[in-house]
Amino acid sequence: MVDAAFGHPRLAAIYDVLDPDRSDLDAYLAMAEEFGARSVLDIGCGTGVFALLLAERGITVTGIDPARASVDVARGKPGAERVRWLDGDAGDLPPMRIDLVTMTGNVAQAIADPRAWRTTLRGAYEALRPGGRLVFETRDPARRVWEEWAEWTRETTYRMTDIPGVGHVETWAELTDVSLPLVSFRGTHVFAADGDVLTSESTLRFRERTEIERDLHQHGFVVEDVRDAPDRPGREFVFVARRGTTEPVPLGMP
């Protein structure tokens, strides 16, 4: 299921305004340069912020996302013609040989279904050239961030944002369920112009480091490094995995 925050056209259109600080992408830009990537596949590209930053640097970029509304927003941005935009998930990719595959932000954790996760890793492996790399971040479960999120209420997270061409939008977030390894929360958006109320239900899967390393190995990757996230030091793992020579396990296997 695609979260309404990304899949509903009205919410996708204001996503960037409500979440303008994407300094978290600096680390991914640095890794693309570090690895000398000339081609990048951005899985879960959303509204295309990272893909467009890469394209500005002369990198050949493909962005894919199952949230059609978000990809439509990306397609309408300046410079969008320099990116190949695809609707779907990693199981829908055409044949390609990419230097680097990325999943920024919450993308890896938002793939909560185990089968969808395996499909994603298999798709990333098949998209990479031999020796190409997959990089993504995921929160460290040991930090138990959901205990901080338990304080989310309408009162503690309420914001009013004036968006040009849209008007005032009220937003707030609430934690709705903790059934580890799954953590769910709800975002509410109220449009003052017509009183429309839209909610987005989101679920993240918290995977242990050893679990992720096992999954990567089973899908043909060699874990080169597990780094700290510069924007959340001590709170996240940033995995750097190289496509190895071992074929991934079939999708039907556990």
C-alpha atoms as a PDB file:
ATOM      1  CA  MET A   1       0.000   0.000   0.000  1.00  0.00           C
ATOM      2  CA  VAL A   2       1.195   3.498  -0.899  1.00  0.00           C
ATOM      3  CA  ASP A   3       0.920   6.077   1.883  1.00  0.00           C
ATOM      4  CA  ALA A   4      -1.535   8.840   1.019  1.00  0.00           C
ATOM      5  CA  ALA A   5       1.175  11.403   1.794  1.00  0.00           C
ATOM      6  CA  PHE A   6       2.830  10.237  -1.416  1.00  0.00           C
ATOM      7  CA  GLY A   7      -0.038   8.681  -3.358  1.00  0.00           C
ATOM      8  CA  HIS A   8      -2.804  11.280  -2.995  1.00  0.00           C
ATOM      9  CA  PRO A   9      -2.378  14.040  -5.604  1.00  0.00           C
ATOM     10  CA  ARG A  10      -3.330  16.828  -3.216  1.00  0.00           C
ATOM     11  CA  LEU A  11      -0.858  15.682  -0.561  1.00  0.00           C
ATOM     12  CA  ALA A  12       1.945  14.850  -3.002  1.00  0.00           C
ATOM     13  CA  ALA A  13       1.689  18.385  -4.396  1.00  0.00           C
ATOM     14  CA  ILE A  14       2.532  19.945  -1.008  1.00  0.00           C
ATOM     15  CA  TYR A  15       4.980  17.330   0.266  1.00  0.00           C
ATOM     16  CA  ASP A  16       8.136  19.311  -0.557  1.00  0.00           C
ATOM     17  CA  VAL A  17       6.792  22.458   1.078  1.00  0.00           C
ATOM     18  CA  LEU A  18       5.979  20.628   4.295  1.00  0.00           C
ATOM     19  CA  ASP A  19       9.363  18.854   4.367  1.00  0.00           C
ATOM     20  CA  PRO A  20      11.797  21.385   2.858  1.00  0.00           C
ATOM     21  CA  ASP A  21      14.998  20.384   4.678  1.00  0.00           C
ATOM     22  CA  ARG A  22      16.659  17.636   2.617  1.00  0.00           C
ATOM     23  CA  SER A  23      20.156  18.071   3.973  1.00  0.00           C
ATOM     24  CA  ASP A  24      20.034  14.311   4.602  1.00  0.00           C
ATOM     25  CA  LEU A  25      20.679  13.898   0.871  1.00  0.00           C
ATOM     26  CA  ASP A  26      24.135  15.468   1.122  1.00  0.00           C
ATOM     27  CA  ALA A  27      25.585  12.148   2.303  1.00  0.00           C
ATOM     28  CA  TYR A  28      24.155  10.350  -0.727  1.00  0.00           C
ATOM     29  CA  LEU A  29      25.509  12.961  -3.112  1.00  0.00           C
ATOM     30  CA  ALA A  30      28.905  12.536  -1.471  1.00  0.00           C
ATOM     31  CA  MET A  31      28.721   8.746  -1.872  1.00  0.00           C
ATOM     32  CA  ALA A  32      27.795   9.046  -5.540  1.00  0.00           C
ATOM     33  CA  GLU A  33      30.957  11.113  -5.987  1.00  0.00           C
ATOM     34  CA  GLU A  34      33.021   8.797  -3.774  1.00  0.00           C
ATOM     35  CA  PHE A  35      32.072   5.758  -5.853  1.00  0.00           C
ATOM     36  CA  GLY A  36      32.449   7.570  -9.167  1.00  0.00           C
ATOM     37  CA  ALA A  37      28.867   6.765 -10.132  1.00  0.00           C
ATOM     38  CA  ARG A  38      27.900   7.899 -13.610  1.00  0.00           C
ATOM     39  CA  SER A  39      24.486   6.225 -13.486  1.00  0.00           C
ATOM     40  CA  VAL A  40      22.100   5.973 -10.528  1.00  0.00           C
ATOM     41  CA  LEU A  41      18.791   4.240  -9.902  1.00  0.00           C
ATOM     42  CA  ASP A  42      16.813   5.939  -7.115  1.00  0.00           C
ATOM     43  CA  ILE A  43      14.259   3.480  -5.702  1.00  0.00           C
ATOM     44  CA  GLY A  44      11.399   5.277  -3.971  1.00  0.00           C
ATOM     45  CA  CYS A  45      12.274   8.551  -5.707  1.00  0.00           C
ATOM     46  CA  GLY A  46       9.130  10.290  -4.459  1.00  0.00           C
ATOM     47  CA  THR A  47       8.855  13.839  -5.761  1.00  0.00           C
ATOM     48  CA  GLY A  48      12.279  13.556  -7.364  1.00  0.00           C
ATOM     49  CA  VAL A  49      14.378  15.832  -5.155  1.00  0.00           C
ATOM     50  CA  PHE A  50      17.423  13.545  -5.058  1.00  0.00           C
ATOM     51  CA  ALA A  51      17.141  12.402  -8.662  1.00  0.00           C
ATOM     52  CA  LEU A  52      17.156  16.001  -9.865  1.00  0.00           C
ATOM     53  CA  LEU A  53      20.160  16.878  -7.698  1.00  0.00           C
ATOM     54  CA  LEU A  54      22.051  14.004  -9.326  1.00  0.00           C
ATOM     55  CA  ALA A  55      20.970  15.028 -12.820  1.00  0.00           C
ATOM     56  CA  GLU A  56      22.234  18.571 -12.183  1.00  0.00           C
ATOM     57  CA  ARG A  57      25.668  16.999 -11.679  1.00  0.00           C
ATOM     58  CA  GLY A  58      25.585  15.305 -15.067  1.00  0.00           C
ATOM     59  CA  ILE A  59      24.734  11.836 -13.736  1.00  0.00           C
ATOM     60  CA  THR A  60      22.363   9.616 -15.708  1.00  0.00           C
ATOM     61  CA  VAL A  61      19.411   9.003 -13.382  1.00  0.00           C
ATOM     62  CA  THR A  62      16.391   6.724 -13.284  1.00  0.00           C
ATOM     63  CA  GLY A  63      13.791   7.343 -10.574  1.00  0.00           C
ATOM     64  CA  ILE A  64      11.074   4.825  -9.731  1.00  0.00           C
ATOM     65  CA  ASP A  65       8.233   4.975  -7.205  1.00  0.00           C
ATOM     66  CA  PRO A  66       4.894   3.163  -6.768  1.00  0.00           C
ATOM     67  CA  ALA A  67       3.236   6.473  -5.811  1.00  0.00           C
ATOM     68  CA  ARG A  68       2.116   7.804  -9.188  1.00  0.00           C
ATOM     69  CA  ALA A  69       1.067  11.166  -7.726  1.00  0.00           C
ATOM     70  CA  SER A  70       4.580  11.820  -6.390  1.00  0.00           C
ATOM     71  CA  VAL A  71       6.221  10.857  -9.677  1.00  0.00           C
ATOM     72  CA  ASP A  72       3.811  13.196 -11.481  1.00  0.00           C
ATOM     73  CA  VAL A  73       5.038  16.013  -9.224  1.00  0.00           C
ATOM     74  CA  ALA A  74       8.626  15.076 -10.099  1.00  0.00           C
ATOM     75  CA  ARG A  75       7.834  15.063 -13.820  1.00  0.00           C
ATOM     76  CA  GLY A  76       6.567  18.627 -13.554  1.00  0.00           C
ATOM     77  CA  LYS A  77       9.723  20.090 -11.988  1.00  0.00           C
ATOM     78  CA  PRO A  78      12.393  22.117 -13.826  1.00  0.00           C
ATOM     79  CA  GLY A  79      15.041  19.787 -15.243  1.00  0.00           C
ATOM     80  CA  ALA A  80      12.751  16.753 -15.043  1.00  0.00           C
ATOM     81  CA  GLU A  81      13.444  15.930 -18.684  1.00  0.00           C
ATOM     82  CA  ARG A  82      16.969  14.897 -17.681  1.00  0.00           C
ATOM     83  CA  VAL A  83      15.645  12.024 -15.539  1.00  0.00           C
ATOM     84  CA  ARG A  84      13.976   8.789 -16.614  1.00  0.00           C
ATOM     85  CA  TRP A  85      10.865   8.480 -14.452  1.00  0.00           C
ATOM     86  CA  LEU A  86       9.167   5.127 -13.879  1.00  0.00           C
ATOM     87  CA  ASP A  87       5.935   4.221 -12.072  1.00  0.00           C
ATOM     88  CA  GLY A  88       6.192   1.061  -9.977  1.00  0.00           C
ATOM     89  CA  ASP A  89       8.548  -0.765  -7.636  1.00  0.00           C
ATOM     90  CA  ALA A  90      11.862  -2.548  -8.052  1.00  0.00           C
ATOM     91  CA  GLY A  91      10.078  -5.589  -9.444  1.00  0.00           C
ATOM     92  CA  ASP A  92       8.925  -3.526 -12.432  1.00  0.00           C
ATOM     93  CA  LEU A  93      12.357  -2.385 -13.616  1.00  0.00           C
ATOM     94  CA  PRO A  94      13.438  -2.814 -17.237  1.00  0.00           C
ATOM     95  CA  PRO A  95      16.894  -4.284 -17.940  1.00  0.00           C
ATOM     96  CA  MET A  96      19.690  -1.879 -16.947  1.00  0.00           C
ATOM     97  CA  ARG A  97      23.292  -1.835 -15.725  1.00  0.00           C
ATOM     98  CA  ILE A  98      23.621   0.894 -13.106  1.00  0.00           C
ATOM     99  CA  ASP A  99      26.640   2.019 -11.071  1.00  0.00           C
ATOM    100  CA  LEU A 100      24.683   2.891  -7.928  1.00  0.00           C
ATOM    101  CA  VAL A 101      21.243   2.122  -6.492  1.00  0.00           C
ATOM    102  CA  THR A 102      19.928   4.341  -3.690  1.00  0.00           C
ATOM    103  CA  MET A 103      17.067   4.293  -1.214  1.00  0.00           C
ATOM    104  CA  THR A 104      17.103   7.557   0.717  1.00  0.00           C
ATOM    105  CA  GLY A 105      15.130   8.691   3.754  1.00  0.00           C
ATOM    106  CA  ASN A 106      12.531   6.216   5.023  1.00  0.00           C
ATOM    107  CA  VAL A 107      12.310   4.231   1.784  1.00  0.00           C
ATOM    108  CA  ALA A 108      13.909   0.997   3.031  1.00  0.00           C
ATOM    109  CA  GLN A 109      11.825   0.968   6.211  1.00  0.00           C
ATOM    110  CA  ALA A 110       8.627   1.852   4.374  1.00  0.00           C
ATOM    111  CA  ILE A 111       8.984  -1.428   2.453  1.00  0.00           C
ATOM    112  CA  ALA A 112       7.453  -3.224   5.403  1.00  0.00           C
ATOM    113  CA  ASP A 113       6.199  -6.370   3.699  1.00  0.00           C
ATOM    114  CA  PRO A 114       8.906  -9.094   3.713  1.00  0.00           C
ATOM    115  CA  ARG A 115       8.125 -10.266   0.182  1.00  0.00           C
ATOM    116  CA  ALA A 116       8.211  -6.702  -1.150  1.00  0.00           C
ATOM    117  CA  TRP A 117      11.563  -6.238   0.607  1.00  0.00           C
ATOM    118  CA  ARG A 118      12.965  -9.346  -1.088  1.00  0.00           C
ATOM    119  CA  THR A 119      11.618  -8.152  -4.430  1.00  0.00           C
ATOM    120  CA  THR A 120      13.339  -4.810  -3.882  1.00  0.00           C
ATOM    121  CA  LEU A 121      16.709  -6.363  -3.095  1.00  0.00           C
ATOM    122  CA  ARG A 122      16.410  -8.697  -6.078  1.00  0.00           C
ATOM    123  CA  GLY A 123      15.484  -5.785  -8.353  1.00  0.00           C
ATOM    124  CA  ALA A 124      18.407  -3.712  -7.077  1.00  0.00           C
ATOM    125  CA  TYR A 125      20.821  -6.598  -7.667  1.00  0.00           C
ATOM    126  CA  GLU A 126      19.609  -7.145 -11.217  1.00  0.00           C
ATOM    127  CA  ALA A 127      19.767  -3.415 -12.009  1.00  0.00           C
ATOM    128  CA  LEU A 128      23.397  -3.076 -10.911  1.00  0.00           C
ATOM    129  CA  ARG A 129      26.436  -3.746 -13.046  1.00  0.00           C
ATOM    130  CA  PRO A 130      28.908  -6.244 -11.569  1.00  0.00           C
ATOM    131  CA  GLY A 131      30.637  -4.459  -8.700  1.00  0.00           C
ATOM    132  CA  GLY A 132      27.964  -1.759  -8.536  1.00  0.00           C
ATOM    133  CA  ARG A 133      26.685  -0.636  -5.127  1.00  0.00           C
ATOM    134  CA  LEU A 134      23.433  -0.352  -3.224  1.00  0.00           C
ATOM    135  CA  VAL A 135      23.248   2.270  -0.466  1.00  0.00           C
ATOM    136  CA  PHE A 136      20.382   2.930   1.936  1.00  0.00           C
ATOM    137  CA  GLU A 137      19.664   3.959   5.508  1.00  0.00           C
ATOM    138  CA  THR A 138      17.531   2.446   8.242  1.00  0.00           C
ATOM    139  CA  ARG A 139      17.005   3.409  11.886  1.00  0.00           C
ATOM    140  CA  ASP A 140      18.760   1.392  14.566  1.00  0.00           C
ATOM    141  CA  PRO A 141      16.027  -0.416  16.566  1.00  0.00           C
ATOM    142  CA  ALA A 142      18.224  -0.259  19.669  1.00  0.00           C
ATOM    143  CA  ARG A 143      17.559   3.492  19.860  1.00  0.00           C
ATOM    144  CA  ARG A 144      13.796   2.808  20.289  1.00  0.00           C
ATOM    145  CA  VAL A 145      12.791   6.009  18.532  1.00  0.00           C
ATOM    146  CA  TRP A 146       9.137   5.004  18.798  1.00  0.00           C
ATOM    147  CA  GLU A 147       9.322   5.908  22.478  1.00  0.00           C
ATOM    148  CA  GLU A 148      10.016   9.501  21.407  1.00  0.00           C
ATOM    149  CA  TRP A 149       7.218   9.289  18.835  1.00  0.00           C
ATOM    150  CA  ALA A 150       4.835   8.271  21.622  1.00  0.00           C
ATOM    151  CA  GLU A 151       4.786  11.951  22.558  1.00  0.00           C
ATOM    152  CA  TRP A 152       3.338  12.889  19.186  1.00  0.00           C
ATOM    153  CA  THR A 153      -0.125  14.389  19.568  1.00  0.00           C
ATOM    154  CA  ARG A 154      -2.093  17.051  17.790  1.00  0.00           C
ATOM    155  CA  GLU A 155      -0.912  19.527  20.390  1.00  0.00           C
ATOM    156  CA  THR A 156       2.812  18.664  20.248  1.00  0.00           C
ATOM    157  CA  THR A 157       3.141  18.385  16.444  1.00  0.00           C
ATOM    158  CA  TYR A 158       0.602  20.931  15.195  1.00  0.00           C
ATOM    159  CA  ARG A 159       1.728  23.273  12.416  1.00  0.00           C
ATOM    160  CA  MET A 160      -0.021  25.816  10.232  1.00  0.00           C
ATOM    161  CA  THR A 161       1.705  26.373   6.870  1.00  0.00           C
ATOM    162  CA  ASP A 162       0.756  28.976   4.291  1.00  0.00           C
ATOM    163  CA  ILE A 163       1.377  27.426   0.880  1.00  0.00           C
ATOM    164  CA  PRO A 164       1.273  29.679  -2.207  1.00  0.00           C
ATOM    165  CA  GLY A 165      -1.617  28.733  -4.471  1.00  0.00           C
ATOM    166  CA  VAL A 166      -3.048  26.385  -1.848  1.00  0.00           C
ATOM    167  CA  GLY A 167      -3.674  28.486   1.253  1.00  0.00           C
ATOM    168  CA  HIS A 168      -3.297  27.565   4.885  1.00  0.00           C
ATOM    169  CA  VAL A 169      -2.787  23.876   5.677  1.00  0.00           C
ATOM    170  CA  GLU A 170      -2.949  22.521   9.231  1.00  0.00           C
ATOM    171  CA  THR A 171      -0.909  19.389   9.931  1.00  0.00           C
ATOM    172  CA  TRP A 172      -0.154  17.118  12.868  1.00  0.00           C
ATOM    173  CA  ALA A 173       1.097  13.582  13.514  1.00  0.00           C
ATOM    174  CA  GLU A 174       0.177  10.822  15.974  1.00  0.00           C
ATOM    175  CA  LEU A 175       1.730   7.463  16.801  1.00  0.00           C
ATOM    176  CA  THR A 176      -0.980   4.842  16.306  1.00  0.00           C
ATOM    177  CA  ASP A 177       0.588   1.422  16.950  1.00  0.00           C
ATOM    178  CA  VAL A 178       3.796  -0.273  18.051  1.00  0.00           C
ATOM    179  CA  SER A 179       3.790  -3.976  17.172  1.00  0.00           C
ATOM    180  CA  LEU A 180       7.487  -4.572  16.688  1.00  0.00           C
ATOM    181  CA  PRO A 181       9.102  -4.771  14.275  1.00  0.00           C
ATOM    182  CA  LEU A 182       6.317  -2.573  12.848  1.00  0.00           C
ATOM    183  CA  VAL A 183       5.616   0.979  14.002  1.00  0.00           C
ATOM    184  CA  SER A 184       2.666   2.925  12.611  1.00  0.00           C
ATOM    185  CA  PHE A 185       1.654   6.576  12.699  1.00  0.00           C
ATOM    186  CA  ARG A 186      -0.921   8.885  11.153  1.00  0.00           C
ATOM    187  CA  GLY A 187      -0.514  12.293   9.551  1.00  0.00           C
ATOM    188  CA  THR A 188      -3.501  14.635   9.299  1.00  0.00           C
ATOM    189  CA  HIS A 189      -3.829  17.536   6.837  1.00  0.00           C
ATOM    190  CA  VAL A 190      -6.619  20.117   6.922  1.00  0.00           C
ATOM    191  CA  PHE A 191      -6.998  22.474   3.968  1.00  0.00           C
ATOM    192  CA  ALA A 192      -8.452  25.801   5.107  1.00  0.00           C
ATOM    193  CA  ALA A 193      -9.582  26.721   1.586  1.00  0.00           C
ATOM    194  CA  ASP A 194     -12.366  24.125   1.566  1.00  0.00           C
ATOM    195  CA  GLY A 195     -12.111  22.308   4.903  1.00  0.00           C
ATOM    196  CA  ASP A 196     -10.925  19.097   3.268  1.00  0.00           C
ATOM    197  CA  VAL A 197      -9.333  16.690   5.801  1.00  0.00           C
ATOM    198  CA  LEU A 198      -6.890  14.087   4.473  1.00  0.00           C
ATOM    199  CA  THR A 199      -5.052  11.501   6.545  1.00  0.00           C
ATOM    200  CA  SER A 200      -2.071   9.333   5.717  1.00  0.00           C
ATOM    201  CA  GLU A 201      -1.429   6.036   7.493  1.00  0.00           C
ATOM    202  CA  SER A 202       2.242   5.006   7.518  1.00  0.00           C
ATOM    203  CA  THR A 203       4.078   1.927   8.774  1.00  0.00           C
ATOM    204  CA  LEU A 204       7.825   1.424   9.120  1.00  0.00           C
ATOM    205  CA  ARG A 205       9.649  -1.866   9.710  1.00  0.00           C
ATOM    206  CA  PHE A 206      12.592  -1.757  12.113  1.00  0.00           C
ATOM    207  CA  ARG A 207      15.170  -4.369  11.059  1.00  0.00           C
ATOM    208  CA  GLU A 208      18.156  -5.405  13.128  1.00  0.00           C
ATOM    209  CA  ARG A 209      21.594  -4.936  11.583  1.00  0.00           C
ATOM    210  CA  THR A 210      22.217  -8.691  11.491  1.00  0.00           C
ATOM    211  CA  GLU A 211      18.884  -9.254   9.733  1.00  0.00           C
ATOM    212  CA  ILE A 212      19.727  -6.740   7.028  1.00  0.00           C
ATOM    213  CA  GLU A 213      23.214  -8.168   6.542  1.00  0.00           C
ATOM    214  CA  ARG A 214      21.678 -11.630   6.149  1.00  0.00           C
ATOM    215  CA  ASP A 215      19.120 -10.371   3.636  1.00  0.00           C
ATOM    216  CA  LEU A 216      21.779  -8.619   1.593  1.00  0.00           C
ATOM    217  CA  HIS A 217      23.980 -11.705   1.543  1.00  0.00           C
ATOM    218  CA  GLN A 218      21.076 -13.915   0.472  1.00  0.00           C
ATOM    219  CA  HIS A 219      20.365 -11.568  -2.411  1.00  0.00           C
ATOM    220  CA  GLY A 220      23.885 -11.577  -3.796  1.00  0.00           C
ATOM    221  CA  PHE A 221      25.391  -8.555  -2.044  1.00  0.00           C
ATOM    222  CA  VAL A 222      28.642  -8.144  -0.155  1.00  0.00           C
ATOM    223  CA  VAL A 223      28.360  -5.647   2.709  1.00  0.00           C
ATOM    224  CA  GLU A 224      31.288  -3.277   2.297  1.00  0.00           C
ATOM    225  CA  ASP A 225      30.482  -0.855   5.089  1.00  0.00           C
ATOM    226  CA  VAL A 226      27.868   0.144   7.641  1.00  0.00           C
ATOM    227  CA  ARG A 227      28.191   3.861   8.278  1.00  0.00           C
ATOM    228  CA  ASP A 228      26.664   6.430  10.572  1.00  0.00           C
ATOM    229  CA  ALA A 229      24.066   8.849   9.216  1.00  0.00           C
ATOM    230  CA  PRO A 230      25.526  12.387   9.372  1.00  0.00           C
ATOM    231  CA  ASP A 231      22.110  13.959   9.950  1.00  0.00           C
ATOM    232  CA  ARG A 232      21.172  11.473  12.727  1.00  0.00           C
ATOM    233  CA  PRO A 233      24.467  10.436  14.330  1.00  0.00           C
ATOM    234  CA  GLY A 234      24.230   7.266  16.379  1.00  0.00           C
ATOM    235  CA  ARG A 235      20.631   6.675  15.356  1.00  0.00           C
ATOM    236  CA  GLU A 236      20.810   5.024  11.932  1.00  0.00           C
ATOM    237  CA  PHE A 237      22.714   2.501   9.870  1.00  0.00           C
ATOM    238  CA  VAL A 238      23.806   3.477   6.370  1.00  0.00           C
ATOM    239  CA  PHE A 239      24.515   0.298   4.426  1.00  0.00           C
ATOM    240  CA  VAL A 240      26.961   0.177   1.537  1.00  0.00           C
ATOM    241  CA  ALA A 241      26.627  -3.146  -0.286  1.00  0.00           C
ATOM    242  CA  ARG A 242      28.353  -4.271  -3.480  1.00  0.00           C
ATOM    243  CA  ARG A 243      26.847  -6.611  -6.051  1.00  0.00           C
ATOM    244  CA  GLY A 244      28.816  -9.817  -5.626  1.00  0.00           C
ATOM    245  CA  THR A 245      29.134 -12.936  -7.722  1.00  0.00           C
ATOM    246  CA  THR A 246      26.696 -15.128  -5.763  1.00  0.00           C
ATOM    247  CA  GLU A 247      23.252 -15.391  -7.335  1.00  0.00           C
ATOM    248  CA  PRO A 248      20.348 -14.267  -5.121  1.00  0.00           C
ATOM    249  CA  VAL A 249      18.028 -16.849  -3.586  1.00  0.00           C
ATOM    250  CA  PRO A 250      14.745 -17.406  -5.501  1.00  0.00           C
ATOM    251  CA  LEU A 251      11.942 -15.113  -4.371  1.00  0.00           C
ATOM    252  CA  GLY A 252       9.816 -18.030  -3.185  1.00  0.00           C
ATOM    253  CA  MET A 253      12.348 -18.993  -0.530  1.00  0.00           C
ATOM    254  CA  PRO A 254      12.298 -17.461   2.993  1.00  0.00           C
END
